[in-house]
Amino acid sequence: MPLQDVLSALADPTRRAVVEALRPGGLTVGELARQVLTGEGMSAPAFSKHLRVLEAAGVVRRDRVGRTVVVTLEPSSLDELATWVESTTRHWSRTIDRLDRYLEQEDA
């Protein structure tokens, strides 16, 4: 999936909470809703829409196991995002290091 789709899917705090809840492993839709929606007051259709957005972005996958639907995280969908974050972090770290050296020279 394109990075833009993953970023858009992860822009919502409920969807980020879904990703966090799935890190240890797959959960049924009901288990996932109970973990993520504690005190949220969100309707089942609204939660289902969040899952569809994550699924469309390739971040999660739904598998039917008998009559149960299990949602699992697709970690490879986050690879491009991780690469971008690491690259951006390296860039800004180098930039800040150069600024620090410059300011130290100015103080000397």
PDB file of N, CA and C in Angstrom:
ATOM      1  N   MET A   1       0.831  -1.192   0.000  1.00  0.00           N
ATOM      2  CA  MET A   1       0.000   0.000   0.000  1.00  0.00           C
ATOM      3  C   MET A   1       0.870   1.248   0.000  1.00  0.00           C
ATOM      4  N   PRO A   2       0.402   2.277  -0.664  1.00  0.00           N
ATOM      5  CA  PRO A   2       1.139   3.545  -0.648  1.00  0.00           C
ATOM      6  C   PRO A   2       1.216   4.124   0.765  1.00  0.00           C
ATOM      7  N   LEU A   3       2.320   4.791   1.033  1.00  0.00           N
ATOM      8  CA  LEU A   3       2.541   5.401   2.339  1.00  0.00           C
ATOM      9  C   LEU A   3       1.388   6.322   2.716  1.00  0.00           C
ATOM     10  N   GLN A   4       0.878   7.080   1.754  1.00  0.00           N
ATOM     11  CA  GLN A   4      -0.221   8.015   2.019  1.00  0.00           C
ATOM     12  C   GLN A   4      -1.446   7.293   2.588  1.00  0.00           C
ATOM     13  N   ASP A   5      -1.751   6.110   2.056  1.00  0.00           N
ATOM     14  CA  ASP A   5      -2.909   5.347   2.543  1.00  0.00           C
ATOM     15  C   ASP A   5      -2.702   4.891   3.982  1.00  0.00           C
ATOM     16  N   VAL A   6      -1.495   4.438   4.283  1.00  0.00           N
ATOM     17  CA  VAL A   6      -1.192   3.980   5.644  1.00  0.00           C
ATOM     18  C   VAL A   6      -1.243   5.157   6.612  1.00  0.00           C
ATOM     19  N   LEU A   7      -0.637   6.283   6.224  1.00  0.00           N
ATOM     20  CA  LEU A   7      -0.666   7.467   7.090  1.00  0.00           C
ATOM     21  C   LEU A   7      -2.096   7.938   7.333  1.00  0.00           C
ATOM     22  N   SER A   8      -2.889   7.942   6.297  1.00  0.00           N
ATOM     23  CA  SER A   8      -4.284   8.367   6.428  1.00  0.00           C
ATOM     24  C   SER A   8      -5.047   7.421   7.361  1.00  0.00           C
ATOM     25  N   ALA A   9      -4.814   6.124   7.201  1.00  0.00           N
ATOM     26  CA  ALA A   9      -5.498   5.149   8.055  1.00  0.00           C
ATOM     27  C   ALA A   9      -5.086   5.299   9.513  1.00  0.00           C
ATOM     28  N   LEU A  10      -3.833   5.638   9.759  1.00  0.00           N
ATOM     29  CA  LEU A  10      -3.329   5.750  11.131  1.00  0.00           C
ATOM     30  C   LEU A  10      -3.533   7.135  11.729  1.00  0.00           C
ATOM     31  N   ALA A  11      -4.143   8.031  10.984  1.00  0.00           N
ATOM     32  CA  ALA A  11      -4.350   9.399  11.479  1.00  0.00           C
ATOM     33  C   ALA A  11      -5.377   9.453  12.608  1.00  0.00           C
ATOM     34  N   ASP A  12      -6.235   8.474  12.681  1.00  0.00           N
ATOM     35  CA  ASP A  12      -7.297   8.474  13.695  1.00  0.00           C
ATOM     36  C   ASP A  12      -6.845   7.726  14.950  1.00  0.00           C
ATOM     37  N   PRO A  13      -7.070   8.294  16.131  1.00  0.00           N
ATOM     38  CA  PRO A  13      -6.625   7.636  17.368  1.00  0.00           C
ATOM     39  C   PRO A  13      -7.285   6.278  17.624  1.00  0.00           C
ATOM     40  N   THR A  14      -8.523   6.101  17.197  1.00  0.00           N
ATOM     41  CA  THR A  14      -9.174   4.796  17.373  1.00  0.00           C
ATOM     42  C   THR A  14      -8.464   3.744  16.540  1.00  0.00           C
ATOM     43  N   ARG A  15      -8.090   4.098  15.312  1.00  0.00           N
ATOM     44  CA  ARG A  15      -7.404   3.134  14.450  1.00  0.00           C
ATOM     45  C   ARG A  15      -6.002   2.834  14.971  1.00  0.00           C
ATOM     46  N   ARG A  16      -5.322   3.833  15.539  1.00  0.00           N
ATOM     47  CA  ARG A  16      -4.016   3.565  16.154  1.00  0.00           C
ATOM     48  C   ARG A  16      -4.182   2.637  17.357  1.00  0.00           C
ATOM     49  N   ALA A  17      -5.265   2.807  18.105  1.00  0.00           N
ATOM     50  CA  ALA A  17      -5.533   1.928  19.248  1.00  0.00           C
ATOM     51  C   ALA A  17      -5.777   0.489  18.780  1.00  0.00           C
ATOM     52  N   VAL A  18      -6.420   0.329  17.639  1.00  0.00           N
ATOM     53  CA  VAL A  18      -6.630  -1.003  17.067  1.00  0.00           C
ATOM     54  C   VAL A  18      -5.283  -1.644  16.760  1.00  0.00           C
ATOM     55  N   VAL A  19      -4.393  -0.895  16.122  1.00  0.00           N
ATOM     56  CA  VAL A  19      -3.063  -1.417  15.787  1.00  0.00           C
ATOM     57  C   VAL A  19      -2.323  -1.832  17.062  1.00  0.00           C
ATOM     58  N   GLU A  20      -2.365  -0.996  18.078  1.00  0.00           N
ATOM     59  CA  GLU A  20      -1.703  -1.325  19.348  1.00  0.00           C
ATOM     60  C   GLU A  20      -2.294  -2.592  19.962  1.00  0.00           C
ATOM     61  N   ALA A  21      -3.608  -2.716  19.929  1.00  0.00           N
ATOM     62  CA  ALA A  21      -4.264  -3.888  20.517  1.00  0.00           C
ATOM     63  C   ALA A  21      -3.898  -5.169  19.778  1.00  0.00           C
ATOM     64  N   LEU A  22      -3.603  -5.064  18.487  1.00  0.00           N
ATOM     65  CA  LEU A  22      -3.293  -6.249  17.681  1.00  0.00           C
ATOM     66  C   LEU A  22      -1.816  -6.622  17.695  1.00  0.00           C
ATOM     67  N   ARG A  23      -0.974  -5.806  18.296  1.00  0.00           N
ATOM     68  CA  ARG A  23       0.464  -6.110  18.303  1.00  0.00           C
ATOM     69  C   ARG A  23       0.778  -7.490  18.875  1.00  0.00           C
ATOM     70  N   PRO A  24       0.160  -7.901  19.986  1.00  0.00           N
ATOM     71  CA  PRO A  24       0.476  -9.236  20.523  1.00  0.00           C
ATOM     72  C   PRO A  24      -0.059 -10.387  19.667  1.00  0.00           C
ATOM     73  N   GLY A  25      -1.080 -10.133  18.852  1.00  0.00           N
ATOM     74  CA  GLY A  25      -1.648 -11.188  18.020  1.00  0.00           C
ATOM     75  C   GLY A  25      -3.079 -10.874  17.630  1.00  0.00           C
ATOM     76  N   GLY A  26      -3.650 -11.758  16.821  1.00  0.00           N
ATOM     77  CA  GLY A  26      -5.001 -11.551  16.319  1.00  0.00           C
ATOM     78  C   GLY A  26      -6.058 -11.634  17.408  1.00  0.00           C
ATOM     79  N   LEU A  27      -7.148 -10.929  17.172  1.00  0.00           N
ATOM     80  CA  LEU A  27      -8.294 -10.919  18.081  1.00  0.00           C
ATOM     81  C   LEU A  27      -9.568 -11.022  17.259  1.00  0.00           C
ATOM     82  N   THR A  28     -10.602 -11.569  17.874  1.00  0.00           N
ATOM     83  CA  THR A  28     -11.897 -11.528  17.203  1.00  0.00           C
ATOM     84  C   THR A  28     -12.365 -10.075  17.189  1.00  0.00           C
ATOM     85  N   VAL A  29     -13.312  -9.786  16.326  1.00  0.00           N
ATOM     86  CA  VAL A  29     -13.833  -8.419  16.247  1.00  0.00           C
ATOM     87  C   VAL A  29     -14.400  -7.994  17.598  1.00  0.00           C
ATOM     88  N   GLY A  30     -15.110  -8.901  18.264  1.00  0.00           N
ATOM     89  CA  GLY A  30     -15.682  -8.582  19.577  1.00  0.00           C
ATOM     90  C   GLY A  30     -14.613  -8.295  20.623  1.00  0.00           C
ATOM     91  N   GLU A  31     -13.573  -9.137  20.665  1.00  0.00           N
ATOM     92  CA  GLU A  31     -12.474  -8.915  21.616  1.00  0.00           C
ATOM     93  C   GLU A  31     -11.791  -7.582  21.347  1.00  0.00           C
ATOM     94  N   LEU A  32     -11.571  -7.320  20.077  1.00  0.00           N
ATOM     95  CA  LEU A  32     -10.908  -6.078  19.683  1.00  0.00           C
ATOM     96  C   LEU A  32     -11.747  -4.871  20.086  1.00  0.00           C
ATOM     97  N   ALA A  33     -13.034  -4.932  19.825  1.00  0.00           N
ATOM     98  CA  ALA A  33     -13.924  -3.823  20.193  1.00  0.00           C
ATOM     99  C   ALA A  33     -13.915  -3.601  21.702  1.00  0.00           C
ATOM    100  N   ARG A  34     -13.950  -4.689  22.478  1.00  0.00           N
ATOM    101  CA  ARG A  34     -13.932  -4.541  23.942  1.00  0.00           C
ATOM    102  C   ARG A  34     -12.630  -3.900  24.421  1.00  0.00           C
ATOM    103  N   GLN A  35     -11.512  -4.255  23.816  1.00  0.00           N
ATOM    104  CA  GLN A  35     -10.224  -3.684  24.234  1.00  0.00           C
ATOM    105  C   GLN A  35     -10.094  -2.220  23.848  1.00  0.00           C
ATOM    106  N   VAL A  36     -10.527  -1.900  22.647  1.00  0.00           N
ATOM    107  CA  VAL A  36     -10.300  -0.554  22.105  1.00  0.00           C
ATOM    108  C   VAL A  36     -11.354   0.440  22.568  1.00  0.00           C
ATOM    109  N   LEU A  37     -12.579   0.002  22.703  1.00  0.00           N
ATOM    110  CA  LEU A  37     -13.684   0.932  22.926  1.00  0.00           C
ATOM    111  C   LEU A  37     -14.072   1.111  24.385  1.00  0.00           C
ATOM    112  N   THR A  38     -13.224   0.763  25.298  1.00  0.00           N
ATOM    113  CA  THR A  38     -13.530   0.914  26.721  1.00  0.00           C
ATOM    114  C   THR A  38     -13.950   2.347  27.008  1.00  0.00           C
ATOM    115  N   GLY A  39     -15.231   2.535  27.314  1.00  0.00           N
ATOM    116  CA  GLY A  39     -15.740   3.856  27.664  1.00  0.00           C
ATOM    117  C   GLY A  39     -15.880   4.829  26.509  1.00  0.00           C
ATOM    118  N   GLU A  40     -15.678   4.377  25.282  1.00  0.00           N
ATOM    119  CA  GLU A  40     -15.739   5.280  24.126  1.00  0.00           C
ATOM    120  C   GLU A  40     -17.165   5.637  23.724  1.00  0.00           C
ATOM    121  N   GLY A  41     -18.100   4.707  23.896  1.00  0.00           N
ATOM    122  CA  GLY A  41     -19.467   4.965  23.473  1.00  0.00           C
ATOM    123  C   GLY A  41     -19.638   4.955  21.966  1.00  0.00           C
ATOM    124  N   MET A  42     -18.739   4.285  21.246  1.00  0.00           N
ATOM    125  CA  MET A  42     -18.812   4.223  19.788  1.00  0.00           C
ATOM    126  C   MET A  42     -19.743   3.083  19.377  1.00  0.00           C
ATOM    127  N   SER A  43     -20.519   3.310  18.338  1.00  0.00           N
ATOM    128  CA  SER A  43     -21.429   2.277  17.849  1.00  0.00           C
ATOM    129  C   SER A  43     -20.649   1.186  17.115  1.00  0.00           C
ATOM    130  N   ALA A  44     -21.259   0.012  17.017  1.00  0.00           N
ATOM    131  CA  ALA A  44     -20.645  -1.095  16.291  1.00  0.00           C
ATOM    132  C   ALA A  44     -20.405  -0.738  14.820  1.00  0.00           C
ATOM    133  N   PRO A  45     -21.361  -0.088  14.130  1.00  0.00           N
ATOM    134  CA  PRO A  45     -21.099   0.288  12.739  1.00  0.00           C
ATOM    135  C   PRO A  45     -19.925   1.268  12.594  1.00  0.00           C
ATOM    136  N   ALA A  46     -19.787   2.192  13.533  1.00  0.00           N
ATOM    137  CA  ALA A  46     -18.668   3.143  13.462  1.00  0.00           C
ATOM    138  C   ALA A  46     -17.345   2.414  13.659  1.00  0.00           C
ATOM    139  N   PHE A  47     -17.303   1.469  14.600  1.00  0.00           N
ATOM    140  CA  PHE A  47     -16.080   0.700  14.824  1.00  0.00           C
ATOM    141  C   PHE A  47     -15.764  -0.151  13.599  1.00  0.00           C
ATOM    142  N   SER A  48     -16.780  -0.742  13.018  1.00  0.00           N
ATOM    143  CA  SER A  48     -16.598  -1.550  11.813  1.00  0.00           C
ATOM    144  C   SER A  48     -16.022  -0.716  10.673  1.00  0.00           C
ATOM    145  N   LYS A  49     -16.457   0.532  10.581  1.00  0.00           N
ATOM    146  CA  LYS A  49     -15.919   1.422   9.544  1.00  0.00           C
ATOM    147  C   LYS A  49     -14.425   1.653   9.767  1.00  0.00           C
ATOM    148  N   HIS A  50     -14.013   1.833  11.010  1.00  0.00           N
ATOM    149  CA  HIS A  50     -12.588   1.993  11.308  1.00  0.00           C
ATOM    150  C   HIS A  50     -11.802   0.759  10.852  1.00  0.00           C
ATOM    151  N   LEU A  51     -12.359  -0.421  11.106  1.00  0.00           N
ATOM    152  CA  LEU A  51     -11.684  -1.647  10.671  1.00  0.00           C
ATOM    153  C   LEU A  51     -11.591  -1.717   9.152  1.00  0.00           C
ATOM    154  N   ARG A  52     -12.640  -1.289   8.462  1.00  0.00           N
ATOM    155  CA  ARG A  52     -12.616  -1.294   6.989  1.00  0.00           C
ATOM    156  C   ARG A  52     -11.543  -0.360   6.448  1.00  0.00           C
ATOM    157  N   VAL A  53     -11.372   0.807   7.074  1.00  0.00           N
ATOM    158  CA  VAL A  53     -10.337   1.755   6.638  1.00  0.00           C
ATOM    159  C   VAL A  53      -8.956   1.121   6.802  1.00  0.00           C
ATOM    160  N   LEU A  54      -8.715   0.489   7.953  1.00  0.00           N
ATOM    161  CA  LEU A  54      -7.427  -0.169   8.186  1.00  0.00           C
ATOM    162  C   LEU A  54      -7.213  -1.327   7.214  1.00  0.00           C
ATOM    163  N   GLU A  55      -8.274  -2.053   6.934  1.00  0.00           N
ATOM    164  CA  GLU A  55      -8.179  -3.179   6.002  1.00  0.00           C
ATOM    165  C   GLU A  55      -7.898  -2.684   4.584  1.00  0.00           C
ATOM    166  N   ALA A  56      -8.562  -1.628   4.164  1.00  0.00           N
ATOM    167  CA  ALA A  56      -8.347  -1.071   2.822  1.00  0.00           C
ATOM    168  C   ALA A  56      -6.919  -0.571   2.648  1.00  0.00           C
ATOM    169  N   ALA A  57      -6.317  -0.083   3.728  1.00  0.00           N
ATOM    170  CA  ALA A  57      -4.932   0.396   3.673  1.00  0.00           C
ATOM    171  C   ALA A  57      -3.933  -0.751   3.804  1.00  0.00           C
ATOM    172  N   GLY A  58      -4.425  -1.961   4.040  1.00  0.00           N
ATOM    173  CA  GLY A  58      -3.545  -3.118   4.166  1.00  0.00           C
ATOM    174  C   GLY A  58      -2.906  -3.265   5.535  1.00  0.00           C
ATOM    175  N   VAL A  59      -3.369  -2.487   6.502  1.00  0.00           N
ATOM    176  CA  VAL A  59      -2.772  -2.507   7.841  1.00  0.00           C
ATOM    177  C   VAL A  59      -3.260  -3.716   8.643  1.00  0.00           C
ATOM    178  N   VAL A  60      -4.502  -4.118   8.440  1.00  0.00           N
ATOM    179  CA  VAL A  60      -5.039  -5.307   9.109  1.00  0.00           C
ATOM    180  C   VAL A  60      -5.669  -6.231   8.079  1.00  0.00           C
ATOM    181  N   ARG A  61      -5.875  -7.463   8.523  1.00  0.00           N
ATOM    182  CA  ARG A  61      -6.526  -8.469   7.676  1.00  0.00           C
ATOM    183  C   ARG A  61      -7.604  -9.144   8.518  1.00  0.00           C
ATOM    184  N   ARG A  62      -8.733  -9.441   7.896  1.00  0.00           N
ATOM    185  CA  ARG A  62      -9.800 -10.191   8.573  1.00  0.00           C
ATOM    186  C   ARG A  62      -9.856 -11.584   7.965  1.00  0.00           C
ATOM    187  N   ASP A  63      -9.873 -12.582   8.837  1.00  0.00           N
ATOM    188  CA  ASP A  63      -9.982 -13.973   8.392  1.00  0.00           C
ATOM    189  C   ASP A  63     -11.155 -14.622   9.110  1.00  0.00           C
ATOM    190  N   ARG A  64     -11.925 -15.367   8.349  1.00  0.00           N
ATOM    191  CA  ARG A  64     -13.046 -16.089   8.948  1.00  0.00           C
ATOM    192  C   ARG A  64     -12.530 -17.450   9.410  1.00  0.00           C
ATOM    193  N   VAL A  65     -12.737 -17.726  10.689  1.00  0.00           N
ATOM    194  CA  VAL A  65     -12.388 -19.017  11.273  1.00  0.00           C
ATOM    195  C   VAL A  65     -13.693 -19.608  11.795  1.00  0.00           C
ATOM    196  N   GLY A  66     -14.284 -20.474  10.997  1.00  0.00           N
ATOM    197  CA  GLY A  66     -15.624 -20.971  11.330  1.00  0.00           C
ATOM    198  C   GLY A  66     -16.613 -19.824  11.222  1.00  0.00           C
ATOM    199  N   ARG A  67     -17.304 -19.561  12.320  1.00  0.00           N
ATOM    200  CA  ARG A  67     -18.265 -18.447  12.318  1.00  0.00           C
ATOM    201  C   ARG A  67     -17.670 -17.183  12.921  1.00  0.00           C
ATOM    202  N   THR A  68     -16.411 -17.234  13.273  1.00  0.00           N
ATOM    203  CA  THR A  68     -15.749 -16.112  13.937  1.00  0.00           C
ATOM    204  C   THR A  68     -14.853 -15.373  12.955  1.00  0.00           C
ATOM    205  N   VAL A  69     -14.809 -14.053  13.079  1.00  0.00           N
ATOM    206  CA  VAL A  69     -13.902 -13.242  12.265  1.00  0.00           C
ATOM    207  C   VAL A  69     -12.752 -12.794  13.161  1.00  0.00           C
ATOM    208  N   VAL A  70     -11.533 -13.142  12.736  1.00  0.00           N
ATOM    209  CA  VAL A  70     -10.332 -12.774  13.481  1.00  0.00           C
ATOM    210  C   VAL A  70      -9.610 -11.678  12.712  1.00  0.00           C
ATOM    211  N   VAL A  71      -9.237 -10.626  13.415  1.00  0.00           N
ATOM    212  CA  VAL A  71      -8.514  -9.500  12.821  1.00  0.00           C
ATOM    213  C   VAL A  71      -7.055  -9.620  13.241  1.00  0.00           C
ATOM    214  N   THR A  72      -6.151  -9.524  12.268  1.00  0.00           N
ATOM    215  CA  THR A  72      -4.719  -9.582  12.561  1.00  0.00           C
ATOM    216  C   THR A  72      -4.014  -8.391  11.931  1.00  0.00           C
ATOM    217  N   LEU A  73      -2.923  -8.013  12.544  1.00  0.00           N
ATOM    218  CA  LEU A  73      -2.090  -6.928  12.046  1.00  0.00           C
ATOM    219  C   LEU A  73      -1.241  -7.441  10.895  1.00  0.00           C
ATOM    220  N   GLU A  74      -1.060  -6.623   9.874  1.00  0.00           N
ATOM    221  CA  GLU A  74      -0.169  -6.927   8.757  1.00  0.00           C
ATOM    222  C   GLU A  74       1.080  -6.066   8.926  1.00  0.00           C
ATOM    223  N   PRO A  75       2.075  -6.530   9.680  1.00  0.00           N
ATOM    224  CA  PRO A  75       3.234  -5.690  10.000  1.00  0.00           C
ATOM    225  C   PRO A  75       3.979  -5.169   8.773  1.00  0.00           C
ATOM    226  N   SER A  76       4.003  -5.944   7.699  1.00  0.00           N
ATOM    227  CA  SER A  76       4.736  -5.495   6.509  1.00  0.00           C
ATOM    228  C   SER A  76       4.128  -4.229   5.912  1.00  0.00           C
ATOM    229  N   SER A  77       2.851  -3.969   6.211  1.00  0.00           N
ATOM    230  CA  SER A  77       2.217  -2.750   5.695  1.00  0.00           C
ATOM    231  C   SER A  77       2.830  -1.502   6.314  1.00  0.00           C
ATOM    232  N   LEU A  78       3.521  -1.667   7.436  1.00  0.00           N
ATOM    233  CA  LEU A  78       4.120  -0.525   8.132  1.00  0.00           C
ATOM    234  C   LEU A  78       5.595  -0.338   7.779  1.00  0.00           C
ATOM    235  N   ASP A  79       6.143  -1.212   6.924  1.00  0.00           N
ATOM    236  CA  ASP A  79       7.568  -1.128   6.574  1.00  0.00           C
ATOM    237  C   ASP A  79       7.935   0.202   5.927  1.00  0.00           C
ATOM    238  N   GLU A  80       7.144   0.632   4.947  1.00  0.00           N
ATOM    239  CA  GLU A  80       7.452   1.889   4.262  1.00  0.00           C
ATOM    240  C   GLU A  80       7.355   3.067   5.225  1.00  0.00           C
ATOM    241  N   LEU A  81       6.378   3.038   6.115  1.00  0.00           N
ATOM    242  CA  LEU A  81       6.239   4.087   7.123  1.00  0.00           C
ATOM    243  C   LEU A  81       7.453   4.094   8.045  1.00  0.00           C
ATOM    244  N   ALA A  82       7.884   2.920   8.494  1.00  0.00           N
ATOM    245  CA  ALA A  82       9.053   2.831   9.379  1.00  0.00           C
ATOM    246  C   ALA A  82      10.299   3.369   8.685  1.00  0.00           C
ATOM    247  N   THR A  83      10.471   3.039   7.419  1.00  0.00           N
ATOM    248  CA  THR A  83      11.623   3.530   6.658  1.00  0.00           C
ATOM    249  C   THR A  83      11.585   5.046   6.558  1.00  0.00           C
ATOM    250  N   TRP A  84      10.419   5.602   6.280  1.00  0.00           N
ATOM    251  CA  TRP A  84      10.281   7.055   6.163  1.00  0.00           C
ATOM    252  C   TRP A  84      10.574   7.737   7.497  1.00  0.00           C
ATOM    253  N   VAL A  85      10.033   7.194   8.591  1.00  0.00           N
ATOM    254  CA  VAL A  85      10.261   7.785   9.916  1.00  0.00           C
ATOM    255  C   VAL A  85      11.746   7.734  10.265  1.00  0.00           C
ATOM    256  N   GLU A  86      12.397   6.604  10.015  1.00  0.00           N
ATOM    257  CA  GLU A  86      13.826   6.479  10.312  1.00  0.00           C
ATOM    258  C   GLU A  86      14.644   7.476   9.499  1.00  0.00           C
ATOM    259  N   SER A  87      14.330   7.607   8.226  1.00  0.00           N
ATOM    260  CA  SER A  87      15.044   8.542   7.359  1.00  0.00           C
ATOM    261  C   SER A  87      14.849   9.980   7.822  1.00  0.00           C
ATOM    262  N   THR A  88      13.629  10.326   8.149  1.00  0.00           N
ATOM    263  CA  THR A  88      13.325  11.679   8.617  1.00  0.00           C
ATOM    264  C   THR A  88      14.018  11.957   9.947  1.00  0.00           C
ATOM    265  N   THR A  89      14.021  10.978  10.828  1.00  0.00           N
ATOM    266  CA  THR A  89      14.690  11.132  12.125  1.00  0.00           C
ATOM    267  C   THR A  89      16.186  11.349  11.937  1.00  0.00           C
ATOM    268  N   ARG A  90      16.806  10.558  11.058  1.00  0.00           N
ATOM    269  CA  ARG A  90      18.248  10.738  10.787  1.00  0.00           C
ATOM    270  C   ARG A  90      18.520  12.132  10.245  1.00  0.00           C
ATOM    271  N   HIS A  91      17.689  12.588   9.312  1.00  0.00           N
ATOM    272  CA  HIS A  91      17.877  13.917   8.721  1.00  0.00           C
ATOM    273  C   HIS A  91      17.844  14.996   9.796  1.00  0.00           C
ATOM    274  N   TRP A  92      16.804  14.968  10.638  1.00  0.00           N
ATOM    275  CA  TRP A  92      16.674  16.021  11.643  1.00  0.00           C
ATOM    276  C   TRP A  92      17.725  15.904  12.732  1.00  0.00           C
ATOM    277  N   SER A  93      18.156  14.700  13.041  1.00  0.00           N
ATOM    278  CA  SER A  93      19.241  14.540  14.023  1.00  0.00           C
ATOM    279  C   SER A  93      20.523  15.168  13.503  1.00  0.00           C
ATOM    280  N   ARG A  94      20.833  14.923  12.231  1.00  0.00           N
ATOM    281  CA  ARG A  94      22.037  15.538  11.633  1.00  0.00           C
ATOM    282  C   ARG A  94      21.901  17.053  11.594  1.00  0.00           C
ATOM    283  N   THR A  95      20.725  17.540  11.242  1.00  0.00           N
ATOM    284  CA  THR A  95      20.500  18.987  11.173  1.00  0.00           C
ATOM    285  C   THR A  95      20.668  19.626  12.546  1.00  0.00           C
ATOM    286  N   ILE A  96      20.117  19.014  13.567  1.00  0.00           N
ATOM    287  CA  ILE A  96      20.243  19.554  14.924  1.00  0.00           C
ATOM    288  C   ILE A  96      21.690  19.480  15.397  1.00  0.00           C
ATOM    289  N   ASP A  97      22.387  18.395  15.060  1.00  0.00           N
ATOM    290  CA  ASP A  97      23.808  18.290  15.423  1.00  0.00           C
ATOM    291  C   ASP A  97      24.614  19.414  14.784  1.00  0.00           C
ATOM    292  N   ARG A  98      24.345  19.713  13.518  1.00  0.00           N
ATOM    293  CA  ARG A  98      25.060  20.812  12.844  1.00  0.00           C
ATOM    294  C   ARG A  98      24.744  22.141  13.508  1.00  0.00           C
ATOM    295  N   LEU A  99      23.490  22.345  13.872  1.00  0.00           N
ATOM    296  CA  LEU A  99      23.103  23.573  14.551  1.00  0.00           C
ATOM    297  C   LEU A  99      23.811  23.682  15.900  1.00  0.00           C
ATOM    298  N   ASP A 100      23.870  22.586  16.641  1.00  0.00           N
ATOM    299  CA  ASP A 100      24.578  22.588  17.928  1.00  0.00           C
ATOM    300  C   ASP A 100      26.043  22.973  17.747  1.00  0.00           C
ATOM    301  N   ARG A 101      26.695  22.372  16.748  1.00  0.00           N
ATOM    302  CA  ARG A 101      28.116  22.700  16.505  1.00  0.00           C
ATOM    303  C   ARG A 101      28.272  24.170  16.138  1.00  0.00           C
ATOM    304  N   TYR A 102      27.382  24.677  15.319  1.00  0.00           N
ATOM    305  CA  TYR A 102      27.438  26.084  14.920  1.00  0.00           C
ATOM    306  C   TYR A 102      27.278  26.992  16.138  1.00  0.00           C
ATOM    307  N   LEU A 103      26.295  26.685  16.978  1.00  0.00           N
ATOM    308  CA  LEU A 103      26.058  27.516  18.162  1.00  0.00           C
ATOM    309  C   LEU A 103      27.228  27.444  19.141  1.00  0.00           C
ATOM    310  N   GLU A 104      27.855  26.284  19.257  1.00  0.00           N
ATOM    311  CA  GLU A 104      29.035  26.160  20.114  1.00  0.00           C
ATOM    312  C   GLU A 104      30.176  27.024  19.585  1.00  0.00           C
ATOM    313  N   GLN A 105      30.335  27.069  18.266  1.00  0.00           N
ATOM    314  CA  GLN A 105      31.390  27.898  17.667  1.00  0.00           C
ATOM    315  C   GLN A 105      31.099  29.374  17.888  1.00  0.00           C
ATOM    316  N   GLU A 106      29.838  29.733  17.814  1.00  0.00           N
ATOM    317  CA  GLU A 106      29.463  31.130  18.022  1.00  0.00           C
ATOM    318  C   GLU A 106      29.715  31.559  19.468  1.00  0.00           C
ATOM    319  N   ASP A 107      29.520  30.648  20.401  1.00  0.00           N
ATOM    320  CA  ASP A 107      29.739  30.950  21.820  1.00  0.00           C
ATOM    321  C   ASP A 107      31.222  31.037  22.162  1.00  0.00           C
ATOM    322  N   ALA A 108      32.054  30.368  21.388  1.00  0.00           N
ATOM    323  CA  ALA A 108      33.498  30.330  21.702  1.00  0.00           C
ATOM    324  C   ALA A 108      34.194  31.631  21.384  1.00  0.00           C
TER     325      ALA A 108
END
